[in-house]
Amino acid sequence: MKKDWWKDAVIYQIYPRSFQDSNGDGVGDLQGIIKRLPYLEKLGIDAVWLSPVYRSPMDDNGYDISDYQDIDPIFGTLADMEELIAEAKKRNIRIIMDLVLNHSSDEHRWFLEAKKSKDNPYHDYYVWRDGKEGELPNDMKACFGGSCWEWVPEVGQYYFHQFSVKQPDLNWENPKLRQEIYNMILWWMDKGVGGFRLDVIDQIAKEPDQKITQNGPRLHEFIRELSRETFQKGALITVGEAWGADVERAKLYSNPDGSEFSMVFQFEHIHMDQLPGKEKWDLSPLRLVELKQVYKKWQTGLYNCGWNSLFWNNHDLPRIVSRWGNDKEYRVESAKMLATVLHGMQGTPYIYEGEELGMTNVGFTDISQYRDIETMNMYRERKAAGYSEAEILKSLQAKSRDNGRTPMQWSDEENAGFTTGTPWISVNSNYHEINAEKELADPDSVFCYYQKLIHLRKENRIFLDGAFTLLAEQDQQIFAYTRTDETEELLVCANFTKDPADAGVMEAWKQAHPDAELLIHNYKEAPGSTLKPYEAVIYRASH
């Protein structure tokens, strides 16, 4: 197997509880994923990243793991997992597991032991501070609201948790804990998994006394040891989720020598539609000129010395076509435009389940319809702070994580073909218009466009290693760039708005490249001197 196979791969993220239910309990499962492998093969992807399916009390939808070496019964069994790995392999699809190594569940046997006494060998697997009940070690806040500290009377200490109170942080300073983690990863590698996505990995080297959560002093030391003891023993793809990454740190994470990860998820582009310095719920229009500069920085900053991951959506984000496209009259055009801009860049693209159909935000109108812990906490906090119900719901309709978690829309049958039971979260009511069955039958669908983009990336090496140059940097409507290697040049040009845009930058490039060939275009009519709403093209020319 080629060592860097992941560089020309396209990865598909599955949120298992929302993908396909096989037994009618309203929750997606591993047998449901196995059933849909032919669909994924048809799309053309190379690997599937599975959000966690380990045994878990599901306080945070599986990101609170109580047993890293077992499957939660709601998803199936370990035998189902082994079958999924084997069946996917037959279709040249690798399975990427989601590793949560910053914290475990408070129901993990390590933590159950750790709470018994300070002398218990597992006590030091977690982060503790002495204190008195009611006198917190410091004023640090957890990401899901409330204090980072929780009192345990049995030991007369507080434990540290950056997320839910049911997600105690693991103590990476302890070499025994690290060895347990490495043994568990090697066990999964023996089962044939193709790689790992590492949840909030930049938070493992926390130093609570200094109020350091991200990018602690020993972070890269820990990651290099982790990689050396596990990942480097196989041809795996590894991607670290690092909200605190900048370009310089990303060069370490994605060093071509393989000492850390294959690549990193960074999120700078994701903040381009919130008020600077405010929370994600404080909405503002997309700042396109700034977004382009962010991509320029990352595309040029990691060129030949690191590797980008490319994504618009994941299980923590709203649907991109509702966010930065137009999910009403130009849903199909804008979904294709956003795909064109992203897949034209250098890096490994990630497609989140339903993105290839142009699935939209759900638009829930009542808090009772939501399921996400972060959403519930935000609702309570903003209610207490005096925000109106309408203001809160407007923010949630735009940014709640549940927008990306509604069931996959397979057909116009009841519950969109997702389940014969009652779905764990409501299906988006637009599934009669937007579903896989309908799109597979339509050669102009969003699905077929994604298929073409994936094929183009495989057929044209310039997508892999061409240098990136941003054009029309200050243009408020157009996102245009070139990719250039020794023999060819690509032009990617897109109108990010619902208004026609002057295509002067495209026309000038075409005049300089009279032999240019149109590789892909999201409208049936040939491109003109004005770009239509959300119009996007990729041209290729030799030089």
Protein backbone atom coordinates (compact mmCIF):
# COMPACT_ATOMS: atom_id res chain seq x y z
CA MET A 1 0.00 0.00 0.00
CA LYS A 2 1.26 3.46 -0.95
CA LYS A 3 2.43 5.28 2.17
CA ASP A 4 0.68 8.59 1.45
CA TRP A 5 -2.45 7.06 -0.16
CA TRP A 6 -4.53 9.57 1.77
CA LYS A 7 -3.22 12.52 -0.27
CA ASP A 8 -5.42 11.69 -3.24
CA ALA A 9 -8.23 10.18 -1.16
CA VAL A 10 -11.68 11.63 -0.59
CA ILE A 11 -13.13 10.84 2.83
CA TYR A 12 -16.78 10.53 3.82
CA GLN A 13 -17.86 11.20 7.39
CA ILE A 14 -20.69 9.14 8.86
CA TYR A 15 -22.53 10.14 12.02
CA PRO A 16 -23.67 6.58 12.75
CA ARG A 17 -26.83 7.30 14.76
CA SER A 18 -28.22 9.31 11.83
CA PHE A 19 -27.04 7.35 8.77
CA GLN A 20 -29.16 4.18 8.44
CA ASP A 21 -31.16 2.21 10.97
CA SER A 22 -31.34 -1.54 10.21
CA ASN A 23 -33.49 -2.77 13.12
CA GLY A 24 -36.27 -0.19 13.51
CA ASP A 25 -35.19 1.26 16.87
CA GLY A 26 -34.86 4.76 15.41
CA VAL A 27 -31.06 4.89 15.75
CA GLY A 28 -28.60 4.28 12.91
CA ASP A 29 -26.26 1.31 13.33
CA LEU A 30 -23.34 -0.61 11.83
CA GLN A 31 -25.52 -3.03 9.84
CA GLY A 32 -27.21 0.04 8.34
CA ILE A 33 -23.81 1.34 7.21
CA ILE A 34 -22.94 -2.06 5.71
CA LYS A 35 -26.22 -1.95 3.77
CA ARG A 36 -25.26 1.44 2.29
CA LEU A 37 -21.68 0.58 1.24
CA PRO A 38 -22.74 0.21 -2.45
CA TYR A 39 -23.98 3.82 -2.32
CA LEU A 40 -20.64 5.03 -0.94
CA GLU A 41 -18.76 2.99 -3.55
CA LYS A 42 -20.88 4.62 -6.26
CA LEU A 43 -20.04 8.08 -4.92
CA GLY A 44 -16.36 7.19 -5.31
CA ILE A 45 -14.97 7.84 -1.84
CA ASP A 46 -11.88 6.05 -0.47
CA ALA A 47 -12.46 6.01 3.27
CA VAL A 48 -15.21 6.47 5.85
CA TRP A 49 -14.61 8.36 9.07
CA LEU A 50 -17.05 7.02 11.67
CA SER A 51 -18.01 9.22 14.59
CA PRO A 52 -17.63 7.15 17.79
CA VAL A 53 -19.40 3.78 18.00
CA TYR A 54 -17.69 2.61 21.20
CA ARG A 55 -19.59 1.63 24.32
CA SER A 56 -20.86 4.83 25.93
CA PRO A 57 -23.59 6.23 28.21
CA MET A 58 -24.20 8.73 25.33
CA ASP A 59 -24.09 11.87 27.45
CA ASP A 60 -22.33 13.52 24.47
CA ASN A 61 -23.50 11.17 21.71
CA GLY A 62 -20.63 8.74 22.09
CA TYR A 63 -17.79 11.19 22.68
CA ASP A 64 -17.92 9.94 26.28
CA ILE A 65 -16.40 6.47 25.97
CA SER A 66 -16.82 3.85 28.69
CA ASP A 67 -15.00 1.05 26.79
CA TYR A 68 -12.62 1.78 23.90
CA GLN A 69 -12.53 -1.90 22.89
CA ASP A 70 -16.23 -2.62 22.57
CA ILE A 71 -19.13 -1.38 20.43
CA ASP A 72 -22.18 0.22 22.01
CA PRO A 73 -25.24 -2.07 21.71
CA ILE A 74 -27.25 0.72 20.03
CA PHE A 75 -24.83 0.44 17.07
CA GLY A 76 -24.38 -3.34 17.13
CA THR A 77 -21.56 -5.66 18.18
CA LEU A 78 -17.82 -6.05 17.75
CA ALA A 79 -18.63 -8.72 15.14
CA ASP A 80 -20.66 -6.10 13.20
CA MET A 81 -17.65 -3.76 13.34
CA GLU A 82 -15.35 -6.49 12.01
CA GLU A 83 -17.87 -7.21 9.24
CA LEU A 84 -18.02 -3.51 8.31
CA ILE A 85 -14.21 -3.31 8.05
CA ALA A 86 -14.14 -6.45 5.87
CA GLU A 87 -17.07 -5.49 3.62
CA ALA A 88 -15.73 -1.96 3.12
CA LYS A 89 -12.29 -3.36 2.22
CA LYS A 90 -13.88 -5.40 -0.61
CA ARG A 91 -14.93 -2.05 -2.09
CA ASN A 92 -11.51 -0.42 -1.49
CA ILE A 93 -13.00 1.70 1.30
CA ARG A 94 -11.05 2.03 4.53
CA ILE A 95 -12.70 2.63 7.91
CA ILE A 96 -11.35 5.50 10.03
CA MET A 97 -12.22 5.34 13.72
CA ASP A 98 -12.84 8.40 15.90
CA LEU A 99 -10.45 8.37 18.87
CA VAL A 100 -11.36 10.40 21.95
CA LEU A 101 -8.14 10.55 23.97
CA ASN A 102 -8.58 13.79 25.92
CA HIS A 103 -11.24 12.35 28.24
CA SER A 104 -13.22 9.21 28.95
CA SER A 105 -16.70 8.65 30.32
CA ASP A 106 -17.10 8.81 34.09
CA GLU A 107 -18.49 5.28 33.66
CA HIS A 108 -15.20 3.94 32.27
CA ARG A 109 -13.74 1.29 34.59
CA TRP A 110 -10.58 3.44 34.97
CA PHE A 111 -12.61 6.29 36.44
CA LEU A 112 -14.78 4.02 38.59
CA GLU A 113 -11.53 2.75 40.13
CA ALA A 114 -9.96 6.23 40.27
CA LYS A 115 -12.80 7.51 42.48
CA LYS A 116 -12.30 4.83 45.11
CA SER A 117 -9.17 6.25 46.72
CA LYS A 118 -6.09 8.38 46.11
CA ASP A 119 -3.99 5.21 46.41
CA ASN A 120 -5.85 3.36 43.66
CA PRO A 121 -3.48 2.69 40.71
CA TYR A 122 -6.04 4.25 38.35
CA HIS A 123 -6.43 7.45 40.38
CA ASP A 124 -3.56 9.10 38.50
CA TYR A 125 -5.16 8.30 35.11
CA TYR A 126 -7.20 11.50 35.65
CA VAL A 127 -6.52 15.10 36.66
CA TRP A 128 -7.26 15.84 40.33
CA ARG A 129 -6.76 18.77 42.69
CA ASP A 130 -7.11 18.87 46.47
CA GLY A 131 -9.63 21.25 47.91
CA LYS A 132 -12.72 21.75 50.01
CA GLU A 133 -16.23 21.20 48.79
CA GLY A 134 -17.58 24.51 47.46
CA GLU A 135 -14.09 26.08 47.09
CA LEU A 136 -13.15 25.47 43.46
CA PRO A 137 -9.44 25.13 42.53
CA ASN A 138 -9.92 28.00 40.05
CA ASP A 139 -12.58 29.69 37.93
CA MET A 140 -12.06 27.74 34.68
CA LYS A 141 -15.26 27.04 32.72
CA ALA A 142 -16.18 23.87 30.82
CA CYS A 143 -16.95 24.06 27.09
CA PHE A 144 -20.54 22.91 27.67
CA GLY A 145 -21.10 25.44 30.46
CA GLY A 146 -20.46 25.48 34.22
CA SER A 147 -17.21 24.88 36.10
CA CYS A 148 -14.36 22.62 34.87
CA TRP A 149 -14.17 21.14 38.37
CA GLU A 150 -16.35 18.48 40.01
CA TRP A 151 -16.13 17.45 43.66
CA VAL A 152 -15.76 13.77 44.62
CA PRO A 153 -16.38 13.34 48.36
CA GLU A 154 -14.91 9.81 48.47
CA VAL A 155 -11.41 11.18 47.81
CA GLY A 156 -11.87 14.77 48.98
CA GLN A 157 -10.72 16.09 45.60
CA TYR A 158 -11.97 17.79 42.47
CA TYR A 159 -11.52 16.22 39.05
CA PHE A 160 -11.02 18.30 35.91
CA HIS A 161 -13.35 18.10 32.90
CA GLN A 162 -13.14 20.40 29.88
CA PHE A 163 -16.47 19.17 28.48
CA SER A 164 -19.45 17.51 30.20
CA VAL A 165 -19.21 16.63 33.90
CA LYS A 166 -19.49 13.02 32.68
CA GLN A 167 -16.27 13.43 30.64
CA PRO A 168 -13.34 13.54 33.11
CA ASP A 169 -10.06 14.56 31.48
CA LEU A 170 -7.34 11.92 31.15
CA ASN A 171 -3.91 12.62 32.65
CA TRP A 172 -1.40 12.31 29.81
CA GLU A 173 1.45 12.98 32.23
CA ASN A 174 1.01 9.38 33.40
CA PRO A 175 3.09 6.96 31.24
CA LYS A 176 0.93 3.98 32.31
CA LEU A 177 -2.17 5.68 30.93
CA ARG A 178 -0.36 6.44 27.66
CA GLN A 179 0.68 2.80 27.33
CA GLU A 180 -2.93 1.65 27.85
CA ILE A 181 -3.98 4.00 25.05
CA TYR A 182 -1.25 2.71 22.70
CA ASN A 183 -2.22 -0.92 23.37
CA MET A 184 -5.85 -0.11 22.55
CA ILE A 185 -4.89 1.63 19.27
CA LEU A 186 -2.67 -1.29 18.21
CA TRP A 187 -5.61 -3.63 18.93
CA TRP A 188 -7.79 -1.66 16.49
CA MET A 189 -4.97 -1.58 13.93
CA ASP A 190 -4.82 -5.38 14.15
CA LYS A 191 -8.54 -5.42 13.31
CA GLY A 192 -7.73 -3.66 10.05
CA VAL A 193 -8.87 -0.07 10.54
CA GLY A 194 -7.48 2.40 8.00
CA GLY A 195 -6.81 5.27 10.35
CA PHE A 196 -7.99 7.52 13.11
CA ARG A 197 -9.48 10.97 13.62
CA LEU A 198 -8.32 12.34 16.96
CA ASP A 199 -10.90 14.36 18.84
CA VAL A 200 -9.72 17.67 20.44
CA ILE A 201 -6.18 16.27 20.43
CA ASP A 202 -4.59 19.68 21.07
CA GLN A 203 -6.10 19.60 24.58
CA ILE A 204 -4.36 16.48 25.94
CA ALA A 205 -1.39 18.42 27.40
CA LYS A 206 -3.55 20.65 29.57
CA GLU A 207 -2.13 22.42 32.63
CA PRO A 208 -5.16 23.53 34.66
CA ASP A 209 -3.13 25.38 37.32
CA GLN A 210 -1.88 27.68 34.56
CA LYS A 211 -5.33 27.67 32.93
CA ILE A 212 -3.78 26.10 29.80
CA THR A 213 -6.15 23.83 27.88
CA GLN A 214 -4.91 23.97 24.26
CA ASN A 215 -1.32 23.68 23.02
CA GLY A 216 0.19 22.75 26.39
CA PRO A 217 4.00 22.61 26.64
CA ARG A 218 4.26 18.80 26.22
CA LEU A 219 1.66 18.50 23.41
CA HIS A 220 3.97 17.66 20.50
CA GLU A 221 6.14 15.43 22.69
CA PHE A 222 3.03 13.39 23.56
CA ILE A 223 1.84 13.27 19.93
CA ARG A 224 5.22 12.18 18.59
CA GLU A 225 5.37 9.35 21.13
CA LEU A 226 1.78 8.35 20.28
CA SER A 227 2.62 8.28 16.56
CA ARG A 228 5.88 6.37 17.04
CA GLU A 229 4.26 3.72 19.25
CA THR A 230 1.19 3.20 17.05
CA PHE A 231 0.42 4.95 13.75
CA GLN A 232 3.88 4.59 12.23
CA LYS A 233 3.50 0.82 12.42
CA GLY A 234 0.98 0.89 9.54
CA ALA A 235 0.01 2.91 6.44
CA LEU A 236 -2.74 4.82 8.23
CA ILE A 237 -4.44 8.14 7.73
CA THR A 238 -4.46 10.20 10.92
CA VAL A 239 -6.14 13.56 11.33
CA GLY A 240 -6.02 15.60 14.51
CA GLU A 241 -8.88 17.91 15.47
CA ALA A 242 -7.10 21.06 16.65
CA TRP A 243 -9.23 24.16 17.24
CA GLY A 244 -6.10 25.94 18.46
CA ALA A 245 -3.96 25.19 15.38
CA ASP A 246 -2.26 27.91 13.35
CA VAL A 247 -0.11 27.36 10.25
CA GLU A 248 3.14 26.93 12.20
CA ARG A 249 1.60 24.35 14.53
CA ALA A 250 -0.03 22.61 11.56
CA LYS A 251 3.43 22.18 10.01
CA LEU A 252 4.36 20.12 13.08
CA TYR A 253 1.11 18.13 13.08
CA SER A 254 1.33 17.31 9.37
CA ASN A 255 5.11 17.12 8.92
CA PRO A 256 5.80 15.03 5.79
CA ASP A 257 8.25 12.91 7.84
CA GLY A 258 5.16 11.30 9.44
CA SER A 259 6.34 12.05 12.99
CA GLU A 260 2.87 13.23 14.11
CA PHE A 261 -0.29 13.00 11.92
CA SER A 262 -1.15 12.92 8.22
CA MET A 263 -3.03 16.20 8.56
CA VAL A 264 -4.95 18.39 10.94
CA PHE A 265 -8.46 19.79 11.12
CA GLN A 266 -8.15 23.52 11.71
CA PHE A 267 -11.19 25.77 11.99
CA GLU A 268 -10.11 29.29 11.13
CA HIS A 269 -12.43 29.46 8.12
CA ILE A 270 -15.39 28.38 10.27
CA HIS A 271 -15.38 31.67 12.22
CA MET A 272 -16.01 33.91 9.21
CA ASP A 273 -19.72 34.38 9.98
CA GLN A 274 -19.71 35.24 13.66
CA LEU A 275 -19.06 38.55 15.34
CA PRO A 276 -15.30 38.82 16.05
CA GLY A 277 -14.51 38.04 19.68
CA LYS A 278 -18.04 36.75 20.31
CA GLU A 279 -19.60 33.30 20.59
CA LYS A 280 -20.62 31.26 17.54
CA TRP A 281 -24.26 32.09 18.32
CA ASP A 282 -23.64 35.80 17.64
CA LEU A 283 -24.38 35.76 13.92
CA SER A 284 -22.97 37.99 11.21
CA PRO A 285 -22.90 37.71 7.38
CA LEU A 286 -20.05 35.76 5.79
CA ARG A 287 -16.96 37.91 5.31
CA LEU A 288 -15.90 36.54 1.91
CA VAL A 289 -12.75 38.64 1.46
CA GLU A 290 -11.48 37.42 4.85
CA LEU A 291 -12.47 33.83 4.07
CA LYS A 292 -10.37 33.96 0.89
CA GLN A 293 -7.38 35.27 2.86
CA VAL A 294 -7.71 32.44 5.36
CA TYR A 295 -7.61 29.87 2.56
CA LYS A 296 -4.69 31.65 0.89
CA LYS A 297 -2.76 31.52 4.18
CA TRP A 298 -3.35 27.78 4.67
CA GLN A 299 -2.94 26.74 1.03
CA THR A 300 0.36 28.59 0.65
CA GLY A 301 1.56 28.08 4.25
CA LEU A 302 1.47 24.26 4.14
CA TYR A 303 2.57 23.90 0.50
CA ASN A 304 5.39 21.30 0.31
CA CYS A 305 5.80 21.26 4.11
CA GLY A 306 2.48 19.96 5.45
CA TRP A 307 -0.99 18.90 4.38
CA ASN A 308 -4.46 20.45 4.51
CA SER A 309 -7.77 18.81 5.29
CA LEU A 310 -10.63 20.40 3.35
CA PHE A 311 -14.15 20.53 4.79
CA TRP A 312 -17.27 22.68 4.98
CA ASN A 313 -19.35 20.36 7.18
CA ASN A 314 -19.07 17.90 10.02
CA HIS A 315 -21.18 16.64 12.94
CA ASP A 316 -20.39 19.83 14.92
CA LEU A 317 -21.33 22.28 12.16
CA PRO A 318 -24.50 23.45 10.41
CA ARG A 319 -25.18 22.49 6.78
CA ILE A 320 -22.99 24.56 4.45
CA VAL A 321 -25.67 25.08 1.78
CA SER A 322 -27.84 26.78 4.41
CA ARG A 323 -24.90 28.58 5.94
CA TRP A 324 -22.97 30.09 3.01
CA GLY A 325 -25.04 28.98 0.05
CA ASN A 326 -28.73 29.55 -0.66
CA ASP A 327 -30.93 26.67 0.45
CA LYS A 328 -34.04 28.02 -1.27
CA GLU A 329 -34.10 29.04 -4.97
CA TYR A 330 -30.39 28.25 -5.63
CA ARG A 331 -29.90 25.21 -3.42
CA VAL A 332 -28.55 22.94 -6.17
CA GLU A 333 -26.36 25.62 -7.77
CA SER A 334 -24.90 26.86 -4.50
CA ALA A 335 -24.26 23.33 -3.16
CA LYS A 336 -22.30 22.58 -6.35
CA MET A 337 -20.47 25.92 -6.17
CA LEU A 338 -19.30 25.29 -2.60
CA ALA A 339 -18.12 21.81 -3.57
CA THR A 340 -16.19 23.22 -6.55
CA VAL A 341 -14.32 25.80 -4.47
CA LEU A 342 -13.35 23.27 -1.81
CA HIS A 343 -12.41 20.30 -4.00
CA GLY A 344 -10.26 22.47 -6.26
CA MET A 345 -7.81 23.14 -3.43
CA GLN A 346 -4.81 21.15 -2.22
CA GLY A 347 -5.56 18.75 0.61
CA THR A 348 -7.78 15.82 1.46
CA PRO A 349 -11.50 16.63 1.05
CA TYR A 350 -14.05 15.43 3.59
CA ILE A 351 -17.70 15.01 2.62
CA TYR A 352 -20.15 14.90 5.53
CA GLU A 353 -23.16 12.59 5.18
CA GLY A 354 -25.87 14.31 3.12
CA GLU A 355 -23.58 17.10 1.92
CA GLU A 356 -23.41 15.28 -1.42
CA LEU A 357 -27.20 15.60 -1.64
CA GLY A 358 -27.26 19.29 -0.69
CA MET A 359 -29.06 18.54 2.58
CA THR A 360 -30.09 21.68 4.48
CA ASN A 361 -30.41 22.95 8.05
CA VAL A 362 -33.51 21.58 9.73
CA GLY A 363 -35.21 24.77 10.94
CA PHE A 364 -36.66 23.41 14.19
CA THR A 365 -39.14 25.87 15.71
CA ASP A 366 -39.22 24.61 19.30
CA ILE A 367 -36.46 23.75 21.77
CA SER A 368 -38.14 20.37 22.47
CA GLN A 369 -37.10 19.22 18.98
CA TYR A 370 -33.38 19.58 19.73
CA ARG A 371 -31.22 16.81 21.25
CA ASP A 372 -27.68 18.25 21.44
CA ILE A 373 -26.11 18.90 24.87
CA GLU A 374 -24.37 22.09 23.69
CA THR A 375 -27.68 23.40 22.27
CA MET A 376 -29.55 22.71 25.51
CA ASN A 377 -26.89 24.43 27.60
CA MET A 378 -26.86 27.47 25.31
CA TYR A 379 -30.67 27.68 25.51
CA ARG A 380 -30.63 27.67 29.33
CA GLU A 381 -27.76 30.17 29.58
CA ARG A 382 -29.24 32.63 27.08
CA LYS A 383 -32.70 32.34 28.61
CA ALA A 384 -31.20 33.20 32.01
CA ALA A 385 -29.30 36.12 30.43
CA GLY A 386 -32.55 37.63 29.14
CA TYR A 387 -32.44 36.73 25.44
CA SER A 388 -35.86 36.26 23.84
CA GLU A 389 -37.09 32.84 22.65
CA ALA A 390 -37.09 34.17 19.06
CA GLU A 391 -33.47 35.37 19.28
CA ILE A 392 -32.30 32.06 20.75
CA LEU A 393 -34.14 29.98 18.15
CA LYS A 394 -32.75 32.13 15.33
CA SER A 395 -29.19 31.36 16.49
CA LEU A 396 -29.98 27.66 16.90
CA GLN A 397 -31.60 27.43 13.46
CA ALA A 398 -28.37 28.83 12.04
CA LYS A 399 -25.71 27.13 14.15
CA SER A 400 -26.97 24.25 16.32
CA ARG A 401 -24.99 21.05 15.87
CA ASP A 402 -28.31 19.22 15.40
CA ASN A 403 -28.58 20.82 11.93
CA GLY A 404 -25.95 18.32 10.79
CA ARG A 405 -27.35 15.42 12.79
CA THR A 406 -30.84 14.92 11.37
CA PRO A 407 -31.28 11.55 9.64
CA MET A 408 -29.79 10.89 6.21
CA GLN A 409 -32.41 11.38 3.50
CA TRP A 410 -32.44 8.17 1.45
CA SER A 411 -35.85 8.28 -0.23
CA ASP A 412 -39.28 9.88 -0.03
CA GLU A 413 -40.62 6.93 1.98
CA GLU A 414 -41.66 7.58 5.57
CA ASN A 415 -38.79 8.94 7.69
CA ALA A 416 -36.79 9.38 4.47
CA GLY A 417 -36.01 5.64 4.40
CA PHE A 418 -33.82 6.07 7.49
CA THR A 419 -35.88 3.94 9.89
CA THR A 420 -39.12 1.99 10.15
CA GLY A 421 -39.38 3.14 13.78
CA THR A 422 -39.44 6.58 15.42
CA PRO A 423 -36.20 8.44 14.60
CA TRP A 424 -34.10 9.58 17.58
CA ILE A 425 -34.27 13.12 16.14
CA SER A 426 -36.82 14.37 13.62
CA VAL A 427 -36.14 13.99 9.90
CA ASN A 428 -35.93 17.25 7.93
CA SER A 429 -39.37 17.79 6.40
CA ASN A 430 -37.86 18.51 2.95
CA TYR A 431 -36.87 14.85 2.41
CA HIS A 432 -39.56 14.42 -0.28
CA GLU A 433 -37.62 16.88 -2.48
CA ILE A 434 -34.08 16.11 -1.27
CA ASN A 435 -33.14 12.42 -1.12
CA ALA A 436 -30.55 10.01 -2.48
CA GLU A 437 -32.97 7.96 -4.58
CA LYS A 438 -34.10 11.03 -6.49
CA GLU A 439 -30.57 12.36 -6.96
CA LEU A 440 -29.11 9.07 -8.18
CA ALA A 441 -31.71 9.14 -10.97
CA ASP A 442 -30.88 12.73 -12.00
CA PRO A 443 -27.62 13.32 -13.94
CA ASP A 444 -27.71 17.02 -12.95
CA SER A 445 -28.07 16.36 -9.21
CA VAL A 446 -25.71 17.50 -6.47
CA PHE A 447 -24.76 13.82 -5.94
CA CYS A 448 -23.68 13.37 -9.58
CA TYR A 449 -21.69 16.62 -9.40
CA TYR A 450 -19.77 15.34 -6.35
CA GLN A 451 -19.12 12.10 -8.25
CA LYS A 452 -17.60 14.13 -11.12
CA LEU A 453 -15.45 16.22 -8.77
CA ILE A 454 -14.09 13.09 -7.07
CA HIS A 455 -13.32 11.56 -10.47
CA LEU A 456 -11.58 14.76 -11.65
CA ARG A 457 -9.32 14.81 -8.60
CA LYS A 458 -8.29 11.21 -9.27
CA GLU A 459 -7.62 11.82 -12.99
CA ASN A 460 -5.67 15.08 -12.76
CA ARG A 461 -2.50 15.11 -10.70
CA ILE A 462 -2.46 18.91 -10.60
CA PHE A 463 -5.21 18.78 -7.94
CA LEU A 464 -2.75 16.90 -5.76
CA ASP A 465 0.38 19.02 -6.07
CA GLY A 466 -0.34 22.23 -8.01
CA ALA A 467 0.63 25.51 -6.29
CA PHE A 468 -2.22 27.80 -5.18
CA THR A 469 -2.53 31.46 -6.21
CA LEU A 470 -5.49 33.57 -5.10
CA LEU A 471 -6.95 35.93 -7.73
CA ALA A 472 -9.25 38.97 -7.35
CA GLU A 473 -8.39 39.12 -3.64
CA GLN A 474 -10.62 42.08 -2.78
CA ASP A 475 -13.61 41.04 -4.90
CA GLN A 476 -16.73 40.88 -2.70
CA GLN A 477 -18.50 38.26 -4.86
CA ILE A 478 -15.96 36.08 -6.60
CA PHE A 479 -13.68 33.40 -5.14
CA ALA A 480 -11.11 32.61 -7.84
CA TYR A 481 -7.73 30.92 -7.71
CA THR A 482 -5.30 28.98 -9.88
CA ARG A 483 -3.42 25.74 -9.30
CA THR A 484 -0.17 25.47 -11.24
CA ASP A 485 2.42 22.76 -11.86
CA GLU A 486 5.22 22.35 -14.44
CA THR A 487 2.89 21.57 -17.35
CA GLU A 488 -0.64 22.71 -16.51
CA GLU A 489 -2.75 25.33 -14.84
CA LEU A 490 -6.25 25.12 -13.38
CA LEU A 491 -8.60 28.05 -12.89
CA VAL A 492 -11.30 27.70 -10.24
CA CYS A 493 -13.77 30.58 -10.35
CA ALA A 494 -17.00 30.89 -8.37
CA ASN A 495 -19.66 33.47 -7.62
CA PHE A 496 -20.39 33.26 -3.89
CA THR A 497 -23.57 35.37 -4.12
CA LYS A 498 -27.13 35.32 -5.48
CA ASP A 499 -26.40 38.35 -7.70
CA PRO A 500 -24.70 38.17 -11.10
CA ALA A 501 -20.98 38.94 -10.93
CA ASP A 502 -18.52 40.39 -13.44
CA ALA A 503 -16.35 37.50 -14.66
CA GLY A 504 -13.47 39.71 -15.80
CA VAL A 505 -10.91 37.64 -13.89
CA MET A 506 -12.08 34.50 -15.70
CA GLU A 507 -12.14 36.19 -19.11
CA ALA A 508 -8.61 37.53 -18.67
CA TRP A 509 -7.32 34.09 -17.71
CA LYS A 510 -9.04 32.49 -20.72
CA GLN A 511 -7.49 35.06 -23.09
CA ALA A 512 -4.07 34.14 -21.72
CA HIS A 513 -4.91 30.43 -22.15
CA PRO A 514 -6.78 30.11 -25.49
CA ASP A 515 -6.57 26.29 -25.37
CA ALA A 516 -8.38 26.14 -22.01
CA GLU A 517 -10.74 23.21 -21.51
CA LEU A 518 -13.82 23.40 -19.28
CA LEU A 519 -13.51 20.54 -16.77
CA ILE A 520 -16.67 21.09 -14.73
CA HIS A 521 -19.45 23.67 -14.54
CA ASN A 522 -22.55 23.85 -12.35
CA TYR A 523 -24.91 25.30 -15.00
CA LYS A 524 -26.09 23.66 -18.22
CA GLU A 525 -25.49 26.79 -20.35
CA ALA A 526 -21.90 27.64 -21.31
CA PRO A 527 -20.16 30.22 -19.08
CA GLY A 528 -20.44 33.85 -20.25
CA SER A 529 -18.75 37.13 -19.35
CA THR A 530 -21.03 37.45 -16.31
CA LEU A 531 -21.18 34.75 -13.65
CA LYS A 532 -24.74 33.74 -12.80
CA PRO A 533 -25.86 33.37 -9.16
CA TYR A 534 -23.58 30.82 -7.47
CA GLU A 535 -22.03 29.86 -10.81
CA ALA A 536 -18.75 27.92 -10.60
CA VAL A 537 -16.26 26.60 -13.15
CA ILE A 538 -12.96 24.76 -13.31
CA TYR A 539 -10.83 25.21 -16.46
CA ARG A 540 -7.59 23.46 -17.33
CA ALA A 541 -4.89 24.68 -19.72
CA SER A 542 -1.36 23.58 -20.56
CA HIS A 543 1.53 26.04 -20.47
